[in-house]
Amino acid sequence: MDSYFARDVQELFNLGKRAEFLRMLELVLRQSGGMLEITSLAKHTGVSRPTLGVWLDILQITHVAFLLRPFEAGGRREILAQPKVYGFDTGFVRFARGWEDLHTEDLGLLWEHLVLDTLRAAPCRNIRFWRDKQQRGMDFVLPRGRETVDAIECKWNPDAFEPRGLKAFRENYPKGRNFLLSPGVRHRSIRNLGGLEVVALPIEMLREEMVGSPAPRTG
């Protein structure tokens, strides 16, 4: 992190507040995979919200963090403004969170990072997430055209998939494909979960599945 600040931040952006910036980076990595808490970041970093906005832009420009925007197209009671944040490296995320022995929920969060990396490399350039005010959500959604939206859920254990979020999403956006990504899935298969057709995929097939379909529109 010291090397990153000296070589990629200070040299390129002439930024002087080293301790505050690295503190912000550590806090972003701790939040990785969750909703970005701007107010908390500003409070614990000791900088203003405008300064914090500039620093978050630097993290994105240098590919250290990725802000995932919420998807909305007129559905009911959706979260519209607050993004999620993902750190660039699962090792740094684990270090920042102080994880030594990984639990199932930890593995699930890190797996979500790997799926996002694969989507970005596919490349899918309009990746979003979806969540409503009842805390039902989908990990990733990919708009394809005006009304069609693919939905992706990531699970470390495929048997732990619970279709509550997918059913809520499809009530608002009925057109599109549904995917389940899990390291426990070895072959492509189609499952009926909660009355919805879901394609279970190994991550090795995700790029082919995405590239073989009409490309998500860019945003």
C-alpha atoms as a PDB file:
ATOM      1  CA  MET A   1       0.000   0.000   0.000  1.00  0.00           C
ATOM      2  CA  ASP A   2       2.922   2.356   0.681  1.00  0.00           C
ATOM      3  CA  SER A   3       4.353   1.562  -2.747  1.00  0.00           C
ATOM      4  CA  TYR A   4       0.972   2.138  -4.394  1.00  0.00           C
ATOM      5  CA  PHE A   5       0.643   5.571  -2.788  1.00  0.00           C
ATOM      6  CA  ALA A   6       4.165   6.656  -3.724  1.00  0.00           C
ATOM      7  CA  ARG A   7       4.133   5.362  -7.298  1.00  0.00           C
ATOM      8  CA  ASP A   8       0.517   5.539  -8.436  1.00  0.00           C
ATOM      9  CA  VAL A   9      -1.070   8.246  -6.293  1.00  0.00           C
ATOM     10  CA  GLN A  10       1.485  10.825  -5.209  1.00  0.00           C
ATOM     11  CA  GLU A  11       3.436  10.731  -8.456  1.00  0.00           C
ATOM     12  CA  LEU A  12       0.392  10.891 -10.743  1.00  0.00           C
ATOM     13  CA  PHE A  13      -1.972  13.077  -8.721  1.00  0.00           C
ATOM     14  CA  ASN A  14       0.403  15.054  -6.468  1.00  0.00           C
ATOM     15  CA  LEU A  15      -1.599  14.090  -3.399  1.00  0.00           C
ATOM     16  CA  GLY A  16      -0.064  15.039  -0.076  1.00  0.00           C
ATOM     17  CA  LYS A  17      -2.270  13.488   2.614  1.00  0.00           C
ATOM     18  CA  ARG A  18      -0.667  10.064   2.698  1.00  0.00           C
ATOM     19  CA  ALA A  19      -1.943   8.830   6.087  1.00  0.00           C
ATOM     20  CA  GLU A  20      -5.516   9.963   5.442  1.00  0.00           C
ATOM     21  CA  PHE A  21      -5.582   8.497   1.941  1.00  0.00           C
ATOM     22  CA  LEU A  22      -4.251   5.104   3.041  1.00  0.00           C
ATOM     23  CA  ARG A  23      -6.729   5.104   5.928  1.00  0.00           C
ATOM     24  CA  MET A  24      -9.504   5.701   3.400  1.00  0.00           C
ATOM     25  CA  LEU A  25      -8.208   2.859   1.217  1.00  0.00           C
ATOM     26  CA  GLU A  26      -8.154   0.471   4.176  1.00  0.00           C
ATOM     27  CA  LEU A  27     -11.735   1.395   5.068  1.00  0.00           C
ATOM     28  CA  VAL A  28     -12.860   0.912   1.464  1.00  0.00           C
ATOM     29  CA  LEU A  29     -11.313  -2.563   1.461  1.00  0.00           C
ATOM     30  CA  ARG A  30     -13.145  -3.342   4.701  1.00  0.00           C
ATOM     31  CA  GLN A  31     -16.423  -2.328   3.066  1.00  0.00           C
ATOM     32  CA  SER A  32     -15.620  -4.290  -0.096  1.00  0.00           C
ATOM     33  CA  GLY A  33     -18.585  -6.223  -1.394  1.00  0.00           C
ATOM     34  CA  GLY A  34     -21.022  -4.074   0.573  1.00  0.00           C
ATOM     35  CA  MET A  35     -22.794  -0.765   0.269  1.00  0.00           C
ATOM     36  CA  LEU A  36     -20.450   2.212   0.141  1.00  0.00           C
ATOM     37  CA  GLU A  37     -20.879   4.252   3.329  1.00  0.00           C
ATOM     38  CA  ILE A  38     -19.731   7.722   2.295  1.00  0.00           C
ATOM     39  CA  THR A  39     -20.641   9.417   5.585  1.00  0.00           C
ATOM     40  CA  SER A  40     -18.774   6.813   7.625  1.00  0.00           C
ATOM     41  CA  LEU A  41     -15.747   7.042   5.333  1.00  0.00           C
ATOM     42  CA  ALA A  42     -15.587  10.826   5.603  1.00  0.00           C
ATOM     43  CA  LYS A  43     -15.975  10.727   9.390  1.00  0.00           C
ATOM     44  CA  HIS A  44     -13.282   8.120  10.012  1.00  0.00           C
ATOM     45  CA  THR A  45     -10.887   9.513   7.407  1.00  0.00           C
ATOM     46  CA  GLY A  46     -11.195  13.099   8.607  1.00  0.00           C
ATOM     47  CA  VAL A  47     -11.734  14.692   5.199  1.00  0.00           C
ATOM     48  CA  SER A  48     -14.670  16.438   3.560  1.00  0.00           C
ATOM     49  CA  ARG A  49     -17.142  14.631   1.311  1.00  0.00           C
ATOM     50  CA  PRO A  50     -15.894  16.501  -1.818  1.00  0.00           C
ATOM     51  CA  THR A  51     -12.310  15.433  -1.047  1.00  0.00           C
ATOM     52  CA  LEU A  52     -13.469  11.901  -0.437  1.00  0.00           C
ATOM     53  CA  GLY A  53     -15.229  11.931  -3.814  1.00  0.00           C
ATOM     54  CA  VAL A  54     -11.971  12.907  -5.522  1.00  0.00           C
ATOM     55  CA  TRP A  55     -10.088  10.155  -3.692  1.00  0.00           C
ATOM     56  CA  LEU A  56     -12.676   7.552  -4.682  1.00  0.00           C
ATOM     57  CA  ASP A  57     -12.213   8.663  -8.291  1.00  0.00           C
ATOM     58  CA  ILE A  58      -8.470   8.076  -7.885  1.00  0.00           C
ATOM     59  CA  LEU A  59      -9.116   4.543  -6.590  1.00  0.00           C
ATOM     60  CA  GLN A  60     -11.209   3.831  -9.667  1.00  0.00           C
ATOM     61  CA  ILE A  61      -8.771   5.431 -12.125  1.00  0.00           C
ATOM     62  CA  THR A  62      -5.939   3.320 -10.693  1.00  0.00           C
ATOM     63  CA  HIS A  63      -8.152   0.191 -10.676  1.00  0.00           C
ATOM     64  CA  VAL A  64      -7.856  -0.336  -6.934  1.00  0.00           C
ATOM     65  CA  ALA A  65     -11.602  -0.111  -6.359  1.00  0.00           C
ATOM     66  CA  PHE A  66     -14.698  -0.482  -8.492  1.00  0.00           C
ATOM     67  CA  LEU A  67     -18.007   1.216  -7.732  1.00  0.00           C
ATOM     68  CA  LEU A  68     -21.023  -0.820  -8.774  1.00  0.00           C
ATOM     69  CA  ARG A  69     -24.105   1.302  -9.412  1.00  0.00           C
ATOM     70  CA  PRO A  70     -27.653   0.190  -8.608  1.00  0.00           C
ATOM     71  CA  PHE A  71     -29.965  -0.801 -11.435  1.00  0.00           C
ATOM     72  CA  GLU A  72     -33.333   0.865 -11.685  1.00  0.00           C
ATOM     73  CA  ALA A  73     -35.771   1.261 -14.517  1.00  0.00           C
ATOM     74  CA  GLY A  74     -38.982   2.236 -12.811  1.00  0.00           C
ATOM     75  CA  GLY A  75     -39.439  -0.675 -10.419  1.00  0.00           C
ATOM     76  CA  ARG A  76     -41.055  -0.202  -7.027  1.00  0.00           C
ATOM     77  CA  ARG A  77     -39.217   0.775  -3.846  1.00  0.00           C
ATOM     78  CA  GLU A  78     -35.718   0.302  -5.239  1.00  0.00           C
ATOM     79  CA  ILE A  79     -32.452   1.598  -3.819  1.00  0.00           C
ATOM     80  CA  LEU A  80     -31.491   4.152  -6.446  1.00  0.00           C
ATOM     81  CA  ALA A  81     -28.451   6.127  -5.292  1.00  0.00           C
ATOM     82  CA  GLN A  82     -26.094   4.218  -2.998  1.00  0.00           C
ATOM     83  CA  PRO A  83     -23.443   2.168  -4.862  1.00  0.00           C
ATOM     84  CA  LYS A  84     -21.588  -0.934  -3.754  1.00  0.00           C
ATOM     85  CA  VAL A  85     -17.799  -0.969  -3.660  1.00  0.00           C
ATOM     86  CA  TYR A  86     -15.373  -3.773  -4.537  1.00  0.00           C
ATOM     87  CA  GLY A  87     -11.660  -3.872  -3.847  1.00  0.00           C
ATOM     88  CA  PHE A  88      -9.312  -4.982  -6.613  1.00  0.00           C
ATOM     89  CA  ASP A  89      -7.808  -8.001  -4.847  1.00  0.00           C
ATOM     90  CA  THR A  90      -9.324 -10.611  -2.554  1.00  0.00           C
ATOM     91  CA  GLY A  91      -6.030 -10.953  -0.645  1.00  0.00           C
ATOM     92  CA  PHE A  92      -6.063  -7.259   0.262  1.00  0.00           C
ATOM     93  CA  VAL A  93      -9.748  -7.495   1.191  1.00  0.00           C
ATOM     94  CA  ARG A  94      -9.036 -10.419   3.485  1.00  0.00           C
ATOM     95  CA  PHE A  95      -6.074  -8.604   5.052  1.00  0.00           C
ATOM     96  CA  ALA A  96      -8.043  -5.374   5.620  1.00  0.00           C
ATOM     97  CA  ARG A  97     -10.884  -7.306   7.262  1.00  0.00           C
ATOM     98  CA  GLY A  98      -8.482  -9.204   9.496  1.00  0.00           C
ATOM     99  CA  TRP A  99      -9.654 -12.608   8.288  1.00  0.00           C
ATOM    100  CA  GLU A 100      -7.364 -15.512   9.151  1.00  0.00           C
ATOM    101  CA  ASP A 101      -9.679 -18.524   9.184  1.00  0.00           C
ATOM    102  CA  LEU A 102     -12.306 -18.119   6.474  1.00  0.00           C
ATOM    103  CA  HIS A 103     -15.929 -18.947   7.237  1.00  0.00           C
ATOM    104  CA  THR A 104     -18.579 -19.862   4.668  1.00  0.00           C
ATOM    105  CA  GLU A 105     -19.973 -16.323   4.532  1.00  0.00           C
ATOM    106  CA  ASP A 106     -16.430 -15.001   3.973  1.00  0.00           C
ATOM    107  CA  LEU A 107     -15.872 -17.400   1.088  1.00  0.00           C
ATOM    108  CA  GLY A 108     -19.181 -16.328  -0.431  1.00  0.00           C
ATOM    109  CA  LEU A 109     -18.173 -12.669  -0.368  1.00  0.00           C
ATOM    110  CA  LEU A 110     -14.766 -13.368  -1.926  1.00  0.00           C
ATOM    111  CA  TRP A 111     -16.412 -15.558  -4.571  1.00  0.00           C
ATOM    112  CA  GLU A 112     -18.642 -12.604  -5.490  1.00  0.00           C
ATOM    113  CA  HIS A 113     -15.491 -10.560  -6.173  1.00  0.00           C
ATOM    114  CA  LEU A 114     -14.174 -13.244  -8.552  1.00  0.00           C
ATOM    115  CA  VAL A 115     -17.455 -13.392 -10.462  1.00  0.00           C
ATOM    116  CA  LEU A 116     -17.402  -9.603 -10.847  1.00  0.00           C
ATOM    117  CA  ASP A 117     -13.826  -9.744 -12.156  1.00  0.00           C
ATOM    118  CA  THR A 118     -14.892 -12.372 -14.702  1.00  0.00           C
ATOM    119  CA  LEU A 119     -17.844 -10.271 -15.856  1.00  0.00           C
ATOM    120  CA  ARG A 120     -15.645  -7.212 -16.292  1.00  0.00           C
ATOM    121  CA  ALA A 121     -13.135  -9.260 -18.305  1.00  0.00           C
ATOM    122  CA  ALA A 122     -15.839 -10.763 -20.554  1.00  0.00           C
ATOM    123  CA  PRO A 123     -16.273  -7.764 -21.156  1.00  0.00           C
ATOM    124  CA  CYS A 124     -19.634  -6.651 -19.757  1.00  0.00           C
ATOM    125  CA  ARG A 125     -19.546  -2.875 -19.384  1.00  0.00           C
ATOM    126  CA  ASN A 126     -22.902  -2.066 -17.852  1.00  0.00           C
ATOM    127  CA  ILE A 127     -22.799  -4.274 -14.783  1.00  0.00           C
ATOM    128  CA  ARG A 128     -25.205  -3.254 -12.038  1.00  0.00           C
ATOM    129  CA  PHE A 129     -26.639  -4.688  -8.832  1.00  0.00           C
ATOM    130  CA  TRP A 130     -30.255  -4.577  -7.676  1.00  0.00           C
ATOM    131  CA  ARG A 131     -31.750  -4.157  -4.234  1.00  0.00           C
ATOM    132  CA  ASP A 132     -35.071  -2.940  -2.930  1.00  0.00           C
ATOM    133  CA  LYS A 133     -35.955  -1.325   0.378  1.00  0.00           C
ATOM    134  CA  GLN A 134     -37.008  -4.698   1.795  1.00  0.00           C
ATOM    135  CA  GLN A 135     -33.375  -5.832   1.377  1.00  0.00           C
ATOM    136  CA  ARG A 136     -34.188  -8.247  -1.433  1.00  0.00           C
ATOM    137  CA  GLY A 137     -31.552  -8.155  -4.116  1.00  0.00           C
ATOM    138  CA  MET A 138     -29.504  -9.655  -6.917  1.00  0.00           C
ATOM    139  CA  ASP A 139     -25.712  -9.648  -6.876  1.00  0.00           C
ATOM    140  CA  PHE A 140     -25.375  -8.517 -10.507  1.00  0.00           C
ATOM    141  CA  VAL A 141     -27.736  -7.554 -13.295  1.00  0.00           C
ATOM    142  CA  LEU A 142     -26.913  -6.954 -16.961  1.00  0.00           C
ATOM    143  CA  PRO A 143     -29.318  -4.881 -19.090  1.00  0.00           C
ATOM    144  CA  ARG A 144     -29.741  -6.155 -22.658  1.00  0.00           C
ATOM    145  CA  GLY A 145     -31.835  -3.752 -24.676  1.00  0.00           C
ATOM    146  CA  ARG A 146     -34.733  -1.684 -23.388  1.00  0.00           C
ATOM    147  CA  GLU A 147     -36.690  -4.286 -21.404  1.00  0.00           C
ATOM    148  CA  THR A 148     -34.478  -7.376 -21.068  1.00  0.00           C
ATOM    149  CA  VAL A 149     -32.246  -7.754 -18.014  1.00  0.00           C
ATOM    150  CA  ASP A 150     -30.139 -10.791 -17.072  1.00  0.00           C
ATOM    151  CA  ALA A 151     -29.793 -11.550 -13.363  1.00  0.00           C
ATOM    152  CA  ILE A 152     -26.817 -13.248 -11.679  1.00  0.00           C
ATOM    153  CA  GLU A 153     -26.617 -14.657  -8.164  1.00  0.00           C
ATOM    154  CA  CYS A 154     -23.338 -15.854  -6.614  1.00  0.00           C
ATOM    155  CA  LYS A 155     -23.318 -18.627  -4.012  1.00  0.00           C
ATOM    156  CA  TRP A 156     -20.406 -20.515  -2.512  1.00  0.00           C
ATOM    157  CA  ASN A 157     -22.796 -23.421  -1.931  1.00  0.00           C
ATOM    158  CA  PRO A 158     -25.309 -23.738  -4.798  1.00  0.00           C
ATOM    159  CA  ASP A 159     -27.810 -25.466  -2.522  1.00  0.00           C
ATOM    160  CA  ALA A 160     -27.971 -22.289  -0.418  1.00  0.00           C
ATOM    161  CA  PHE A 161     -29.610 -20.308  -3.223  1.00  0.00           C
ATOM    162  CA  GLU A 162     -32.903 -18.844  -2.043  1.00  0.00           C
ATOM    163  CA  PRO A 163     -35.028 -17.367  -4.855  1.00  0.00           C
ATOM    164  CA  ARG A 164     -36.692 -14.619  -2.806  1.00  0.00           C
ATOM    165  CA  GLY A 165     -34.589 -11.851  -4.334  1.00  0.00           C
ATOM    166  CA  LEU A 166     -34.877 -13.225  -7.864  1.00  0.00           C
ATOM    167  CA  LYS A 167     -38.662 -13.515  -7.607  1.00  0.00           C
ATOM    168  CA  ALA A 168     -38.900  -9.906  -6.406  1.00  0.00           C
ATOM    169  CA  PHE A 169     -36.652  -8.742  -9.234  1.00  0.00           C
ATOM    170  CA  ARG A 170     -38.664 -10.612 -11.867  1.00  0.00           C
ATOM    171  CA  GLU A 171     -41.894  -9.086 -10.574  1.00  0.00           C
ATOM    172  CA  ASN A 172     -40.470  -5.747 -11.724  1.00  0.00           C
ATOM    173  CA  TYR A 173     -38.448  -6.959 -14.720  1.00  0.00           C
ATOM    174  CA  PRO A 174     -39.889 -10.206 -16.115  1.00  0.00           C
ATOM    175  CA  LYS A 175     -37.727 -10.493 -19.254  1.00  0.00           C
ATOM    176  CA  GLY A 176     -34.211 -11.920 -19.086  1.00  0.00           C
ATOM    177  CA  ARG A 177     -32.086 -14.918 -18.178  1.00  0.00           C
ATOM    178  CA  ASN A 178     -31.310 -16.047 -14.636  1.00  0.00           C
ATOM    179  CA  PHE A 179     -27.889 -17.390 -13.657  1.00  0.00           C
ATOM    180  CA  LEU A 180     -26.461 -19.075 -10.576  1.00  0.00           C
ATOM    181  CA  LEU A 181     -22.642 -19.020 -10.283  1.00  0.00           C
ATOM    182  CA  SER A 182     -20.990 -21.309  -7.771  1.00  0.00           C
ATOM    183  CA  PRO A 183     -17.681 -23.185  -7.394  1.00  0.00           C
ATOM    184  CA  GLY A 184     -19.870 -26.163  -6.491  1.00  0.00           C
ATOM    185  CA  VAL A 185     -21.334 -26.228 -10.011  1.00  0.00           C
ATOM    186  CA  ARG A 186     -19.251 -28.356 -12.393  1.00  0.00           C
ATOM    187  CA  HIS A 187     -21.478 -28.433 -15.474  1.00  0.00           C
ATOM    188  CA  ARG A 188     -24.049 -26.178 -17.071  1.00  0.00           C
ATOM    189  CA  SER A 189     -27.554 -27.166 -16.032  1.00  0.00           C
ATOM    190  CA  ILE A 190     -31.022 -25.689 -15.918  1.00  0.00           C
ATOM    191  CA  ARG A 191     -32.866 -25.710 -12.609  1.00  0.00           C
ATOM    192  CA  ASN A 192     -36.358 -24.722 -11.565  1.00  0.00           C
ATOM    193  CA  LEU A 193     -36.053 -22.620  -8.430  1.00  0.00           C
ATOM    194  CA  GLY A 194     -39.132 -21.002  -6.986  1.00  0.00           C
ATOM    195  CA  GLY A 195     -40.972 -21.427 -10.277  1.00  0.00           C
ATOM    196  CA  LEU A 196     -38.215 -19.654 -12.228  1.00  0.00           C
ATOM    197  CA  GLU A 197     -35.778 -21.144 -14.732  1.00  0.00           C
ATOM    198  CA  VAL A 198     -32.204 -20.672 -13.528  1.00  0.00           C
ATOM    199  CA  VAL A 199     -29.054 -21.600 -15.463  1.00  0.00           C
ATOM    200  CA  ALA A 200     -26.400 -22.961 -13.083  1.00  0.00           C
ATOM    201  CA  LEU A 201     -22.911 -22.358 -14.437  1.00  0.00           C
ATOM    202  CA  PRO A 202     -19.283 -23.014 -13.529  1.00  0.00           C
ATOM    203  CA  ILE A 203     -17.361 -19.753 -13.681  1.00  0.00           C
ATOM    204  CA  GLU A 204     -15.262 -21.067 -16.592  1.00  0.00           C
ATOM    205  CA  MET A 205     -18.361 -20.895 -18.803  1.00  0.00           C
ATOM    206  CA  LEU A 206     -19.493 -17.406 -17.795  1.00  0.00           C
ATOM    207  CA  ARG A 207     -17.515 -15.505 -20.412  1.00  0.00           C
ATOM    208  CA  GLU A 208     -18.778 -17.757 -23.209  1.00  0.00           C
ATOM    209  CA  GLU A 209     -22.362 -17.374 -21.963  1.00  0.00           C
ATOM    210  CA  MET A 210     -22.118 -13.598 -21.877  1.00  0.00           C
ATOM    211  CA  VAL A 211     -20.249 -13.148 -25.165  1.00  0.00           C
ATOM    212  CA  GLY A 212     -22.604 -15.532 -26.909  1.00  0.00           C
ATOM    213  CA  SER A 213     -25.589 -13.344 -26.047  1.00  0.00           C
ATOM    214  CA  PRO A 214     -26.380  -9.841 -27.302  1.00  0.00           C
ATOM    215  CA  ALA A 215     -23.875  -7.501 -25.686  1.00  0.00           C
ATOM    216  CA  PRO A 216     -25.134  -5.482 -22.702  1.00  0.00           C
ATOM    217  CA  ARG A 217     -25.512  -1.845 -23.650  1.00  0.00           C
ATOM    218  CA  THR A 218     -22.807   0.433 -22.308  1.00  0.00           C
ATOM    219  CA  GLY A 219     -23.559   3.075 -19.731  1.00  0.00           C
END
